[in-house]
Amino acid sequence: MNIAERHLPIIQAPGAPRAVRASRTETWTTEDDTRAFAAALAARPAIGNAFIALHGDLGAGKTTFVRHLLRALGVQGRVKSPTYAVVEPYETAAFPAWHFDFYRLGDPREAEDAGFRDLFASPGLKLAEWPEKAAGWLPPADLALHIETLADDSRTVTLDALTPLGEALLA
């Protein structure tokens, strides 16, 4: 199945659970732990066409993770939060990458109106913060990161592989 075939059908109802194919939980006690995980993920061949959904409260570390992942993939220059722009495009050495932040979406249809379906159907890495705000318009994520901040500022991160590609990323 090619990337377009995988991303064209968006058939799941908003909020409907997706089957988890593999899962693990990690603790990131420092930013170096986040950086190390991002570097390991960047080394996986499957990363080039993955859709990674990032879940967590404000300040949980979603953008920090994206910054480390993009740096590990060779992105130079400023890596900023797309909170106001909604999407920031990047070029890695091998493939394009898009960082989405749907926090400010008022209606999931705004994702469709903005043409994001076309971006998700194209080859490249997609990283989406607050994907639930675009529910029903996004394809199934390959990997979902659920980041929870603990009282000591460490993070508990649950990694859920939702597709075979996601399983390859966790392997």
N, C-alpha and C. Protein backbone atom coordinates (compact mmCIF):
# COMPACT_ATOMS: atom_id res chain seq x y z
N MET A 1 0.85 -1.18 0.00
CA MET A 1 0.00 0.00 0.00
C MET A 1 0.89 1.24 0.00
N ASN A 2 0.66 2.14 -0.94
CA ASN A 2 1.47 3.36 -0.98
C ASN A 2 0.91 4.40 -0.02
N ILE A 3 1.66 5.48 0.13
CA ILE A 3 1.30 6.50 1.12
C ILE A 3 -0.06 7.14 0.83
N ALA A 4 -0.36 7.39 -0.44
CA ALA A 4 -1.65 8.01 -0.79
C ALA A 4 -2.80 7.07 -0.46
N GLU A 5 -2.63 5.79 -0.76
CA GLU A 5 -3.70 4.83 -0.44
C GLU A 5 -3.92 4.73 1.06
N ARG A 6 -2.84 4.84 1.83
CA ARG A 6 -2.95 4.72 3.28
C ARG A 6 -3.63 5.93 3.90
N HIS A 7 -3.44 7.10 3.32
CA HIS A 7 -3.97 8.32 3.94
C HIS A 7 -5.27 8.84 3.34
N LEU A 8 -5.69 8.37 2.20
CA LEU A 8 -6.91 8.89 1.62
C LEU A 8 -8.17 8.57 2.42
N PRO A 9 -8.38 7.34 2.85
CA PRO A 9 -9.62 7.08 3.58
C PRO A 9 -9.53 7.57 5.01
N ILE A 10 -10.34 8.52 5.32
CA ILE A 10 -10.44 9.00 6.70
C ILE A 10 -11.83 8.59 7.15
N ILE A 11 -11.89 7.38 7.72
CA ILE A 11 -13.18 6.74 7.93
C ILE A 11 -13.62 6.68 9.37
N GLN A 12 -12.73 6.96 10.28
CA GLN A 12 -13.07 6.82 11.68
C GLN A 12 -13.83 8.04 12.19
N ALA A 13 -14.84 7.80 12.97
CA ALA A 13 -15.60 8.90 13.56
C ALA A 13 -14.74 9.65 14.57
N PRO A 14 -14.93 10.96 14.70
CA PRO A 14 -14.15 11.73 15.67
C PRO A 14 -14.25 11.12 17.06
N GLY A 15 -13.09 10.98 17.69
CA GLY A 15 -13.06 10.47 19.05
C GLY A 15 -13.12 8.96 19.16
N ALA A 16 -13.33 8.25 18.05
CA ALA A 16 -13.40 6.79 18.11
C ALA A 16 -12.01 6.23 18.40
N PRO A 17 -11.91 5.26 19.30
CA PRO A 17 -10.59 4.72 19.63
C PRO A 17 -10.03 3.89 18.48
N ARG A 18 -8.74 3.89 18.37
CA ARG A 18 -8.05 3.07 17.37
C ARG A 18 -7.34 1.94 18.10
N ALA A 19 -7.25 0.81 17.45
CA ALA A 19 -6.62 -0.36 18.07
C ALA A 19 -5.12 -0.11 18.21
N VAL A 20 -4.61 -0.34 19.39
CA VAL A 20 -3.18 -0.21 19.66
C VAL A 20 -2.53 -1.54 19.31
N ARG A 21 -1.55 -1.51 18.43
CA ARG A 21 -0.87 -2.72 17.97
C ARG A 21 0.32 -3.05 18.86
N ALA A 22 0.94 -2.03 19.44
CA ALA A 22 2.07 -2.20 20.36
C ALA A 22 2.14 -0.95 21.21
N SER A 23 2.64 -1.11 22.42
CA SER A 23 2.70 0.04 23.33
C SER A 23 3.85 -0.14 24.30
N ARG A 24 4.40 0.98 24.72
CA ARG A 24 5.38 0.95 25.81
C ARG A 24 5.36 2.30 26.50
N THR A 25 5.85 2.33 27.71
CA THR A 25 5.90 3.56 28.50
C THR A 25 7.34 3.82 28.90
N GLU A 26 7.72 5.08 28.79
CA GLU A 26 9.06 5.51 29.17
C GLU A 26 8.95 6.67 30.14
N THR A 27 10.02 6.89 30.88
CA THR A 27 10.12 8.08 31.72
C THR A 27 11.27 8.91 31.21
N TRP A 28 10.97 10.16 30.92
CA TRP A 28 12.00 11.11 30.51
C TRP A 28 12.22 12.04 31.70
N THR A 29 13.35 11.86 32.39
CA THR A 29 13.62 12.66 33.58
C THR A 29 14.27 13.99 33.25
N THR A 30 14.95 14.05 32.10
CA THR A 30 15.61 15.29 31.69
C THR A 30 15.36 15.50 30.20
N GLU A 31 15.71 16.69 29.73
CA GLU A 31 15.58 16.96 28.31
C GLU A 31 16.52 16.06 27.49
N ASP A 32 17.62 15.64 28.10
CA ASP A 32 18.52 14.71 27.41
C ASP A 32 17.82 13.39 27.09
N ASP A 33 16.91 12.95 27.95
CA ASP A 33 16.13 11.74 27.67
C ASP A 33 15.24 11.95 26.44
N THR A 34 14.63 13.13 26.36
CA THR A 34 13.79 13.46 25.20
C THR A 34 14.65 13.47 23.94
N ARG A 35 15.82 14.08 24.02
CA ARG A 35 16.74 14.16 22.89
C ARG A 35 17.18 12.75 22.46
N ALA A 36 17.49 11.91 23.41
CA ALA A 36 17.95 10.55 23.09
C ALA A 36 16.85 9.74 22.41
N PHE A 37 15.62 9.85 22.90
CA PHE A 37 14.52 9.13 22.26
C PHE A 37 14.31 9.66 20.84
N ALA A 38 14.33 10.97 20.68
CA ALA A 38 14.15 11.57 19.35
C ALA A 38 15.24 11.10 18.39
N ALA A 39 16.47 11.03 18.85
CA ALA A 39 17.57 10.57 18.00
C ALA A 39 17.39 9.11 17.60
N ALA A 40 16.95 8.28 18.52
CA ALA A 40 16.71 6.87 18.20
C ALA A 40 15.57 6.73 17.20
N LEU A 41 14.53 7.51 17.36
CA LEU A 41 13.41 7.47 16.44
C LEU A 41 13.83 7.97 15.06
N ALA A 42 14.66 9.00 15.01
CA ALA A 42 15.13 9.55 13.74
C ALA A 42 15.94 8.52 12.95
N ALA A 43 16.56 7.59 13.63
CA ALA A 43 17.38 6.57 12.97
C ALA A 43 16.55 5.46 12.33
N ARG A 44 15.26 5.40 12.62
CA ARG A 44 14.39 4.36 12.05
C ARG A 44 14.05 4.69 10.60
N PRO A 45 14.23 3.76 9.67
CA PRO A 45 13.91 4.04 8.26
C PRO A 45 12.45 4.44 8.04
N ALA A 46 11.54 3.92 8.85
CA ALA A 46 10.11 4.20 8.66
C ALA A 46 9.73 5.64 8.98
N ILE A 47 10.60 6.40 9.60
CA ILE A 47 10.25 7.75 10.04
C ILE A 47 9.89 8.67 8.87
N GLY A 48 10.41 8.42 7.69
CA GLY A 48 10.24 9.30 6.55
C GLY A 48 8.82 9.45 6.04
N ASN A 49 7.93 8.51 6.37
CA ASN A 49 6.53 8.61 5.94
C ASN A 49 5.57 8.43 7.11
N ALA A 50 6.02 8.74 8.29
CA ALA A 50 5.20 8.51 9.48
C ALA A 50 4.31 9.71 9.80
N PHE A 51 3.22 9.41 10.46
CA PHE A 51 2.37 10.44 11.07
C PHE A 51 2.41 10.18 12.56
N ILE A 52 2.96 11.12 13.30
CA ILE A 52 3.09 11.01 14.75
C ILE A 52 2.17 12.03 15.40
N ALA A 53 1.24 11.54 16.21
CA ALA A 53 0.31 12.38 16.94
C ALA A 53 0.87 12.62 18.34
N LEU A 54 0.85 13.87 18.77
CA LEU A 54 1.42 14.25 20.06
C LEU A 54 0.31 14.76 20.97
N HIS A 55 0.17 14.09 22.10
CA HIS A 55 -0.87 14.42 23.08
C HIS A 55 -0.21 14.84 24.39
N GLY A 56 -0.80 15.81 25.05
CA GLY A 56 -0.30 16.24 26.35
C GLY A 56 -0.79 17.64 26.64
N ASP A 57 -0.77 18.00 27.90
CA ASP A 57 -1.19 19.33 28.31
C ASP A 57 -0.24 20.39 27.77
N LEU A 58 -0.66 21.64 27.86
CA LEU A 58 0.23 22.74 27.52
C LEU A 58 1.48 22.64 28.37
N GLY A 59 2.63 22.78 27.75
CA GLY A 59 3.90 22.71 28.47
C GLY A 59 4.41 21.32 28.75
N ALA A 60 3.76 20.29 28.22
CA ALA A 60 4.17 18.92 28.48
C ALA A 60 5.48 18.55 27.79
N GLY A 61 5.81 19.23 26.69
CA GLY A 61 7.04 18.93 25.98
C GLY A 61 6.85 18.45 24.56
N LYS A 62 5.68 18.66 24.01
CA LYS A 62 5.41 18.21 22.64
C LYS A 62 6.32 18.92 21.63
N THR A 63 6.38 20.23 21.71
CA THR A 63 7.20 20.99 20.78
C THR A 63 8.68 20.72 21.02
N THR A 64 9.08 20.54 22.26
CA THR A 64 10.47 20.21 22.57
C THR A 64 10.86 18.89 21.92
N PHE A 65 9.97 17.89 22.00
CA PHE A 65 10.23 16.61 21.34
C PHE A 65 10.38 16.81 19.83
N VAL A 66 9.46 17.57 19.22
CA VAL A 66 9.52 17.81 17.77
C VAL A 66 10.84 18.49 17.41
N ARG A 67 11.24 19.47 18.19
CA ARG A 67 12.49 20.19 17.93
C ARG A 67 13.67 19.21 17.93
N HIS A 68 13.73 18.33 18.91
CA HIS A 68 14.83 17.36 18.99
C HIS A 68 14.77 16.36 17.83
N LEU A 69 13.57 15.93 17.46
CA LEU A 69 13.44 14.98 16.36
C LEU A 69 13.89 15.63 15.05
N LEU A 70 13.44 16.84 14.77
CA LEU A 70 13.83 17.51 13.54
C LEU A 70 15.33 17.79 13.51
N ARG A 71 15.89 18.17 14.62
CA ARG A 71 17.35 18.38 14.70
C ARG A 71 18.08 17.06 14.40
N ALA A 72 17.60 15.96 14.97
CA ALA A 72 18.21 14.64 14.74
C ALA A 72 18.11 14.23 13.27
N LEU A 73 17.11 14.76 12.58
CA LEU A 73 16.93 14.47 11.16
C LEU A 73 17.70 15.45 10.27
N GLY A 74 18.45 16.36 10.89
CA GLY A 74 19.31 17.26 10.14
C GLY A 74 18.73 18.61 9.81
N VAL A 75 17.58 18.95 10.35
CA VAL A 75 16.99 20.26 10.07
C VAL A 75 17.84 21.34 10.74
N GLN A 76 18.20 22.34 9.94
CA GLN A 76 18.98 23.48 10.43
C GLN A 76 18.07 24.68 10.63
N GLY A 77 18.54 25.67 11.33
CA GLY A 77 17.75 26.88 11.52
C GLY A 77 16.77 26.73 12.66
N ARG A 78 15.91 27.71 12.77
CA ARG A 78 14.96 27.77 13.88
C ARG A 78 13.84 26.75 13.71
N VAL A 79 13.56 26.02 14.76
CA VAL A 79 12.42 25.10 14.80
C VAL A 79 11.48 25.69 15.85
N LYS A 80 10.36 26.23 15.36
CA LYS A 80 9.46 26.93 16.27
C LYS A 80 8.10 26.25 16.35
N SER A 81 7.35 26.62 17.34
CA SER A 81 6.00 26.11 17.49
C SER A 81 5.09 26.73 16.43
N PRO A 82 4.29 25.91 15.75
CA PRO A 82 3.37 26.47 14.75
C PRO A 82 2.02 26.86 15.33
N THR A 83 1.98 27.24 16.59
CA THR A 83 0.71 27.54 17.25
C THR A 83 -0.13 28.53 16.46
N TYR A 84 0.47 29.60 15.96
CA TYR A 84 -0.31 30.60 15.24
C TYR A 84 -0.37 30.34 13.75
N ALA A 85 0.67 29.74 13.19
CA ALA A 85 0.69 29.44 11.76
C ALA A 85 -0.05 28.14 11.44
N VAL A 86 -0.27 27.30 12.41
CA VAL A 86 -0.90 25.98 12.35
C VAL A 86 0.04 24.93 11.77
N VAL A 87 0.83 25.27 10.76
CA VAL A 87 1.77 24.30 10.19
C VAL A 87 3.08 25.00 9.83
N GLU A 88 4.19 24.32 10.10
CA GLU A 88 5.51 24.78 9.69
C GLU A 88 6.14 23.68 8.86
N PRO A 89 6.57 23.97 7.64
CA PRO A 89 7.24 22.96 6.80
C PRO A 89 8.75 22.96 7.06
N TYR A 90 9.35 21.79 6.91
CA TYR A 90 10.80 21.63 7.07
C TYR A 90 11.30 20.67 6.00
N GLU A 91 12.57 20.76 5.68
CA GLU A 91 13.22 19.82 4.78
C GLU A 91 14.32 19.11 5.55
N THR A 92 14.22 17.80 5.64
CA THR A 92 15.33 17.02 6.18
C THR A 92 16.23 16.68 4.99
N ALA A 93 17.31 15.98 5.24
CA ALA A 93 18.21 15.60 4.15
C ALA A 93 17.53 14.63 3.19
N ALA A 94 16.54 13.87 3.66
CA ALA A 94 15.95 12.81 2.85
C ALA A 94 14.48 13.00 2.48
N PHE A 95 13.74 13.82 3.21
CA PHE A 95 12.30 13.93 2.98
C PHE A 95 11.76 15.21 3.62
N PRO A 96 10.57 15.63 3.17
CA PRO A 96 9.95 16.80 3.79
C PRO A 96 9.30 16.41 5.13
N ALA A 97 9.12 17.40 5.97
CA ALA A 97 8.45 17.19 7.26
C ALA A 97 7.54 18.38 7.52
N TRP A 98 6.42 18.11 8.15
CA TRP A 98 5.48 19.17 8.53
C TRP A 98 5.16 19.03 10.00
N HIS A 99 5.19 20.15 10.70
CA HIS A 99 4.85 20.21 12.12
C HIS A 99 3.55 21.00 12.25
N PHE A 100 2.51 20.33 12.67
CA PHE A 100 1.18 20.93 12.83
C PHE A 100 0.91 21.17 14.30
N ASP A 101 0.18 22.23 14.58
CA ASP A 101 -0.33 22.49 15.92
C ASP A 101 -1.78 22.93 15.75
N PHE A 102 -2.69 22.03 16.07
CA PHE A 102 -4.12 22.28 15.85
C PHE A 102 -4.80 22.91 17.07
N TYR A 103 -4.03 23.37 18.05
CA TYR A 103 -4.59 23.90 19.29
C TYR A 103 -5.62 25.01 19.04
N ARG A 104 -5.37 25.87 18.10
CA ARG A 104 -6.23 27.03 17.86
C ARG A 104 -7.35 26.77 16.87
N LEU A 105 -7.48 25.54 16.38
CA LEU A 105 -8.57 25.22 15.46
C LEU A 105 -9.90 25.32 16.20
N GLY A 106 -10.83 26.07 15.65
CA GLY A 106 -12.15 26.21 16.26
C GLY A 106 -13.11 25.13 15.81
N ASP A 107 -12.85 24.58 14.63
CA ASP A 107 -13.73 23.57 14.04
C ASP A 107 -12.84 22.63 13.23
N PRO A 108 -13.02 21.32 13.37
CA PRO A 108 -12.17 20.38 12.62
C PRO A 108 -12.20 20.60 11.11
N ARG A 109 -13.29 21.18 10.60
CA ARG A 109 -13.37 21.42 9.15
C ARG A 109 -12.34 22.43 8.67
N GLU A 110 -11.81 23.24 9.60
CA GLU A 110 -10.76 24.18 9.22
C GLU A 110 -9.54 23.45 8.68
N ALA A 111 -9.27 22.25 9.17
CA ALA A 111 -8.15 21.45 8.66
C ALA A 111 -8.40 21.06 7.21
N GLU A 112 -9.63 20.72 6.91
CA GLU A 112 -9.99 20.38 5.53
C GLU A 112 -9.91 21.62 4.65
N ASP A 113 -10.48 22.71 5.11
CA ASP A 113 -10.49 23.95 4.32
C ASP A 113 -9.08 24.45 4.03
N ALA A 114 -8.14 24.18 4.93
CA ALA A 114 -6.75 24.64 4.75
C ALA A 114 -5.95 23.73 3.81
N GLY A 115 -6.54 22.62 3.40
CA GLY A 115 -5.85 21.72 2.48
C GLY A 115 -4.90 20.74 3.16
N PHE A 116 -5.07 20.56 4.46
CA PHE A 116 -4.16 19.67 5.17
C PHE A 116 -4.30 18.22 4.74
N ARG A 117 -5.46 17.83 4.24
CA ARG A 117 -5.63 16.46 3.76
C ARG A 117 -4.61 16.15 2.67
N ASP A 118 -4.36 17.13 1.79
CA ASP A 118 -3.37 16.94 0.73
C ASP A 118 -1.97 16.76 1.31
N LEU A 119 -1.63 17.54 2.34
CA LEU A 119 -0.31 17.38 2.96
C LEU A 119 -0.18 16.00 3.60
N PHE A 120 -1.23 15.55 4.27
CA PHE A 120 -1.18 14.24 4.91
C PHE A 120 -1.13 13.10 3.90
N ALA A 121 -1.63 13.33 2.70
CA ALA A 121 -1.60 12.31 1.65
C ALA A 121 -0.27 12.28 0.91
N SER A 122 0.55 13.28 1.10
CA SER A 122 1.83 13.34 0.39
C SER A 122 2.92 12.64 1.21
N PRO A 123 4.01 12.24 0.54
CA PRO A 123 5.12 11.60 1.27
C PRO A 123 5.76 12.59 2.24
N GLY A 124 6.29 12.06 3.31
CA GLY A 124 7.00 12.88 4.29
C GLY A 124 6.51 12.63 5.70
N LEU A 125 7.21 13.20 6.64
CA LEU A 125 6.91 13.07 8.07
C LEU A 125 5.90 14.13 8.47
N LYS A 126 4.86 13.70 9.20
CA LYS A 126 3.87 14.63 9.75
C LYS A 126 3.87 14.49 11.26
N LEU A 127 4.00 15.60 11.94
CA LEU A 127 3.99 15.65 13.40
C LEU A 127 2.85 16.58 13.80
N ALA A 128 1.90 16.09 14.59
CA ALA A 128 0.73 16.90 14.91
C ALA A 128 0.49 17.00 16.41
N GLU A 129 0.54 18.24 16.90
CA GLU A 129 0.15 18.52 18.27
C GLU A 129 -1.35 18.79 18.28
N TRP A 130 -2.03 18.36 19.32
CA TRP A 130 -3.47 18.54 19.49
C TRP A 130 -4.26 17.96 18.31
N PRO A 131 -3.98 16.73 17.86
CA PRO A 131 -4.68 16.16 16.71
C PRO A 131 -6.17 15.98 16.94
N GLU A 132 -6.58 15.88 18.19
CA GLU A 132 -8.01 15.72 18.48
C GLU A 132 -8.82 16.93 18.02
N LYS A 133 -8.18 18.09 17.87
CA LYS A 133 -8.87 19.29 17.41
C LYS A 133 -9.21 19.21 15.91
N ALA A 134 -8.58 18.27 15.20
CA ALA A 134 -8.85 18.07 13.77
C ALA A 134 -9.46 16.68 13.55
N ALA A 135 -10.08 16.16 14.59
CA ALA A 135 -10.65 14.81 14.53
C ALA A 135 -11.61 14.67 13.36
N GLY A 136 -11.52 13.53 12.69
CA GLY A 136 -12.37 13.24 11.55
C GLY A 136 -11.79 13.69 10.23
N TRP A 137 -10.75 14.53 10.26
CA TRP A 137 -10.13 15.02 9.03
C TRP A 137 -8.71 14.51 8.87
N LEU A 138 -8.19 13.86 9.89
CA LEU A 138 -6.83 13.34 9.82
C LEU A 138 -6.85 11.84 9.61
N PRO A 139 -5.83 11.31 8.95
CA PRO A 139 -5.73 9.85 8.83
C PRO A 139 -5.32 9.27 10.18
N PRO A 140 -5.42 7.97 10.33
CA PRO A 140 -4.95 7.35 11.58
C PRO A 140 -3.46 7.63 11.77
N ALA A 141 -3.09 7.97 12.98
CA ALA A 141 -1.67 8.17 13.30
C ALA A 141 -0.96 6.83 13.28
N ASP A 142 0.30 6.85 12.91
CA ASP A 142 1.12 5.64 13.00
C ASP A 142 1.59 5.44 14.43
N LEU A 143 1.96 6.54 15.06
CA LEU A 143 2.47 6.49 16.42
C LEU A 143 1.86 7.64 17.20
N ALA A 144 1.37 7.35 18.39
CA ALA A 144 0.81 8.39 19.27
C ALA A 144 1.68 8.47 20.52
N LEU A 145 2.13 9.67 20.83
CA LEU A 145 2.88 9.92 22.05
C LEU A 145 1.96 10.65 23.01
N HIS A 146 1.79 10.10 24.19
CA HIS A 146 1.00 10.73 25.25
C HIS A 146 1.99 11.14 26.34
N ILE A 147 2.20 12.44 26.48
CA ILE A 147 3.20 12.97 27.40
C ILE A 147 2.50 13.55 28.62
N GLU A 148 2.89 13.05 29.77
CA GLU A 148 2.31 13.53 31.04
C GLU A 148 3.43 14.08 31.91
N THR A 149 3.26 15.32 32.38
CA THR A 149 4.24 15.94 33.26
C THR A 149 3.97 15.52 34.70
N LEU A 150 5.02 15.08 35.38
CA LEU A 150 4.90 14.67 36.77
C LEU A 150 5.32 15.81 37.69
N ALA A 151 5.05 15.66 38.98
CA ALA A 151 5.32 16.72 39.95
C ALA A 151 6.79 17.13 39.98
N ASP A 152 7.71 16.20 39.69
CA ASP A 152 9.14 16.51 39.70
C ASP A 152 9.65 17.01 38.35
N ASP A 153 8.73 17.36 37.44
CA ASP A 153 9.03 17.84 36.09
C ASP A 153 9.55 16.78 35.14
N SER A 154 9.59 15.52 35.58
CA SER A 154 9.90 14.46 34.63
C SER A 154 8.63 14.18 33.82
N ARG A 155 8.76 13.38 32.78
CA ARG A 155 7.63 13.05 31.92
C ARG A 155 7.44 11.55 31.86
N THR A 156 6.18 11.14 31.93
CA THR A 156 5.82 9.76 31.61
C THR A 156 5.28 9.81 30.19
N VAL A 157 5.86 9.00 29.32
CA VAL A 157 5.49 9.02 27.91
C VAL A 157 5.00 7.63 27.52
N THR A 158 3.75 7.57 27.09
CA THR A 158 3.19 6.33 26.58
C THR A 158 3.24 6.41 25.06
N LEU A 159 3.85 5.40 24.47
CA LEU A 159 4.04 5.32 23.02
C LEU A 159 3.13 4.23 22.50
N ASP A 160 2.16 4.60 21.68
CA ASP A 160 1.21 3.64 21.11
C ASP A 160 1.40 3.55 19.61
N ALA A 161 1.75 2.36 19.14
CA ALA A 161 1.82 2.11 17.70
C ALA A 161 0.43 1.72 17.23
N LEU A 162 -0.09 2.44 16.24
CA LEU A 162 -1.45 2.23 15.78
C LEU A 162 -1.53 1.62 14.39
N THR A 163 -0.38 1.48 13.74
CA THR A 163 -0.30 0.90 12.40
C THR A 163 0.96 0.03 12.32
N PRO A 164 1.09 -0.76 11.26
CA PRO A 164 2.34 -1.51 11.09
C PRO A 164 3.57 -0.59 11.02
N LEU A 165 3.43 0.58 10.39
CA LEU A 165 4.54 1.52 10.36
C LEU A 165 4.88 1.98 11.77
N GLY A 166 3.87 2.23 12.58
CA GLY A 166 4.10 2.61 13.97
C GLY A 166 4.82 1.51 14.73
N GLU A 167 4.47 0.26 14.47
CA GLU A 167 5.17 -0.85 15.10
C GLU A 167 6.65 -0.85 14.72
N ALA A 168 6.93 -0.56 13.44
CA ALA A 168 8.32 -0.50 12.99
C ALA A 168 9.08 0.62 13.71
N LEU A 169 8.40 1.71 14.00
CA LEU A 169 9.05 2.80 14.72
C LEU A 169 9.38 2.42 16.16
N LEU A 170 8.56 1.59 16.76
CA LEU A 170 8.78 1.16 18.15
C LEU A 170 9.70 -0.03 18.29
N ALA A 171 9.95 -0.73 17.19
CA ALA A 171 10.75 -1.97 17.24
C ALA A 171 12.16 -1.72 17.71
